[in-house]
Amino acid sequence: MAIPLGMAKMTVRSTYALDPETVAALDRLARRWRVSKSEALRRIVSAASAVESVDATADALTALGELQELLGLDERRAEAWIREIRAGREAGRP
């Protein structure tokens, strides 16, 4: 009886329709990176996902900045608010 030395790699097979230019670009990248087209595609999707995550963070920070500006929340007012909250906590107020 054989005992596997690790977990089996899960694979999901999918079919996608790609235009000829995209297929050619995928072929070129796979050859350049010396990997299969599937591995090249995995790397591309992973990189695009990481970029999307950074963009989402930047968008959130931009929105926060706009909100703070709209509310007139500058550093001086923010520090005053923090002092007020701390004082309330120390006094046992919610």
C-alpha atoms as a PDB file:
ATOM      1  CA  MET A   1       0.000   0.000   0.000  1.00  0.00           C
ATOM      2  CA  ALA A   2       1.451   3.369  -1.040  1.00  0.00           C
ATOM      3  CA  ILE A   3       1.350   6.260   1.395  1.00  0.00           C
ATOM      4  CA  PRO A   4       1.395   9.700  -0.204  1.00  0.00           C
ATOM      5  CA  LEU A   5       4.103  12.048   1.081  1.00  0.00           C
ATOM      6  CA  GLY A   6       2.173  15.306   1.028  1.00  0.00           C
ATOM      7  CA  MET A   7      -1.112  16.699  -0.139  1.00  0.00           C
ATOM      8  CA  ALA A   8      -2.361  16.190  -3.654  1.00  0.00           C
ATOM      9  CA  LYS A   9      -2.244  19.290  -5.832  1.00  0.00           C
ATOM     10  CA  MET A  10      -5.751  20.389  -6.691  1.00  0.00           C
ATOM     11  CA  THR A  11      -6.311  21.346 -10.304  1.00  0.00           C
ATOM     12  CA  VAL A  12      -9.362  22.955 -11.821  1.00  0.00           C
ATOM     13  CA  ARG A  13      -9.567  22.660 -15.561  1.00  0.00           C
ATOM     14  CA  SER A  14     -11.294  25.493 -17.390  1.00  0.00           C
ATOM     15  CA  THR A  15     -11.845  26.518 -20.969  1.00  0.00           C
ATOM     16  CA  TYR A  16     -11.461  30.128 -22.079  1.00  0.00           C
ATOM     17  CA  ALA A  17     -11.772  31.761 -25.471  1.00  0.00           C
ATOM     18  CA  LEU A  18      -8.787  34.028 -26.131  1.00  0.00           C
ATOM     19  CA  ASP A  19      -8.056  36.175 -29.145  1.00  0.00           C
ATOM     20  CA  PRO A  20      -4.981  35.239 -31.234  1.00  0.00           C
ATOM     21  CA  GLU A  21      -2.916  38.189 -29.942  1.00  0.00           C
ATOM     22  CA  THR A  22      -3.467  37.157 -26.328  1.00  0.00           C
ATOM     23  CA  VAL A  23      -2.546  33.541 -27.097  1.00  0.00           C
ATOM     24  CA  ALA A  24       0.628  34.695 -28.874  1.00  0.00           C
ATOM     25  CA  ALA A  25       1.562  36.897 -25.907  1.00  0.00           C
ATOM     26  CA  LEU A  26       0.920  34.022 -23.493  1.00  0.00           C
ATOM     27  CA  ASP A  27       3.083  31.716 -25.626  1.00  0.00           C
ATOM     28  CA  ARG A  28       5.924  34.284 -25.671  1.00  0.00           C
ATOM     29  CA  LEU A  29       5.799  34.762 -21.905  1.00  0.00           C
ATOM     30  CA  ALA A  30       5.700  31.027 -21.217  1.00  0.00           C
ATOM     31  CA  ARG A  31       8.745  30.492 -23.447  1.00  0.00           C
ATOM     32  CA  ARG A  32      10.616  33.435 -21.897  1.00  0.00           C
ATOM     33  CA  TRP A  33       9.874  32.254 -18.371  1.00  0.00           C
ATOM     34  CA  ARG A  34      10.478  28.592 -19.374  1.00  0.00           C
ATOM     35  CA  VAL A  35       7.192  27.464 -17.845  1.00  0.00           C
ATOM     36  CA  SER A  36       3.959  25.992 -19.143  1.00  0.00           C
ATOM     37  CA  LYS A  37       1.247  28.262 -20.493  1.00  0.00           C
ATOM     38  CA  SER A  38      -0.855  27.325 -17.452  1.00  0.00           C
ATOM     39  CA  GLU A  39       1.911  28.445 -15.099  1.00  0.00           C
ATOM     40  CA  ALA A  40       2.411  31.658 -17.056  1.00  0.00           C
ATOM     41  CA  LEU A  41      -1.310  32.359 -16.827  1.00  0.00           C
ATOM     42  CA  ARG A  42      -1.280  31.661 -13.055  1.00  0.00           C
ATOM     43  CA  ARG A  43       1.582  34.140 -12.631  1.00  0.00           C
ATOM     44  CA  ILE A  44      -0.194  36.777 -14.717  1.00  0.00           C
ATOM     45  CA  VAL A  45      -3.428  36.422 -12.732  1.00  0.00           C
ATOM     46  CA  SER A  46      -1.507  36.551  -9.437  1.00  0.00           C
ATOM     47  CA  ALA A  47       0.350  39.720 -10.486  1.00  0.00           C
ATOM     48  CA  ALA A  48      -2.837  41.397 -11.708  1.00  0.00           C
ATOM     49  CA  SER A  49      -4.558  40.506  -8.428  1.00  0.00           C
ATOM     50  CA  ALA A  50      -1.720  42.067  -6.421  1.00  0.00           C
ATOM     51  CA  VAL A  51      -1.926  45.263  -8.480  1.00  0.00           C
ATOM     52  CA  GLU A  52      -5.697  45.382  -8.004  1.00  0.00           C
ATOM     53  CA  SER A  53      -5.218  45.064  -4.244  1.00  0.00           C
ATOM     54  CA  VAL A  54      -2.776  47.995  -4.212  1.00  0.00           C
ATOM     55  CA  ASP A  55      -5.169  50.069  -6.337  1.00  0.00           C
ATOM     56  CA  ALA A  56      -8.048  49.329  -3.948  1.00  0.00           C
ATOM     57  CA  THR A  57      -5.936  50.452  -0.979  1.00  0.00           C
ATOM     58  CA  ALA A  58      -4.956  53.648  -2.777  1.00  0.00           C
ATOM     59  CA  ASP A  59      -8.620  54.304  -3.610  1.00  0.00           C
ATOM     60  CA  ALA A  60      -9.585  53.808   0.031  1.00  0.00           C
ATOM     61  CA  LEU A  61      -6.884  56.194   1.225  1.00  0.00           C
ATOM     62  CA  THR A  62      -7.967  58.782  -1.333  1.00  0.00           C
ATOM     63  CA  ALA A  63     -11.581  58.462  -0.161  1.00  0.00           C
ATOM     64  CA  LEU A  64     -10.487  58.844   3.472  1.00  0.00           C
ATOM     65  CA  GLY A  65      -8.519  61.973   2.616  1.00  0.00           C
ATOM     66  CA  GLU A  66     -11.491  63.457   0.784  1.00  0.00           C
ATOM     67  CA  LEU A  67     -13.789  62.688   3.725  1.00  0.00           C
ATOM     68  CA  GLN A  68     -11.379  64.256   6.205  1.00  0.00           C
ATOM     69  CA  GLU A  69     -11.119  67.350   4.032  1.00  0.00           C
ATOM     70  CA  LEU A  70     -14.900  67.549   3.668  1.00  0.00           C
ATOM     71  CA  LEU A  71     -15.298  67.359   7.463  1.00  0.00           C
ATOM     72  CA  GLY A  72     -12.528  69.892   8.013  1.00  0.00           C
ATOM     73  CA  LEU A  73     -10.592  67.321  10.014  1.00  0.00           C
ATOM     74  CA  ASP A  74      -7.034  68.598  10.129  1.00  0.00           C
ATOM     75  CA  GLU A  75      -4.265  67.321  12.387  1.00  0.00           C
ATOM     76  CA  ARG A  76      -5.069  69.828  15.163  1.00  0.00           C
ATOM     77  CA  ARG A  77      -8.762  68.832  15.287  1.00  0.00           C
ATOM     78  CA  ALA A  78      -7.903  65.131  15.103  1.00  0.00           C
ATOM     79  CA  GLU A  79      -5.525  65.435  18.081  1.00  0.00           C
ATOM     80  CA  ALA A  80      -8.206  67.323  20.062  1.00  0.00           C
ATOM     81  CA  TRP A  81     -10.722  64.557  19.285  1.00  0.00           C
ATOM     82  CA  ILE A  82      -8.234  61.887  20.437  1.00  0.00           C
ATOM     83  CA  ARG A  83      -7.617  63.771  23.723  1.00  0.00           C
ATOM     84  CA  GLU A  84     -11.370  64.056  24.280  1.00  0.00           C
ATOM     85  CA  ILE A  85     -11.933  60.326  23.706  1.00  0.00           C
ATOM     86  CA  ARG A  86      -9.030  59.374  26.000  1.00  0.00           C
ATOM     87  CA  ALA A  87     -10.307  61.659  28.740  1.00  0.00           C
ATOM     88  CA  GLY A  88     -13.761  60.123  28.446  1.00  0.00           C
ATOM     89  CA  ARG A  89     -12.346  56.592  28.695  1.00  0.00           C
ATOM     90  CA  GLU A  90     -10.276  57.513  31.735  1.00  0.00           C
ATOM     91  CA  ALA A  91     -13.384  59.022  33.362  1.00  0.00           C
ATOM     92  CA  GLY A  92     -15.321  55.839  32.609  1.00  0.00           C
ATOM     93  CA  ARG A  93     -17.597  57.417  30.004  1.00  0.00           C
ATOM     94  CA  PRO A  94     -18.483  55.472  26.861  1.00  0.00           C
END
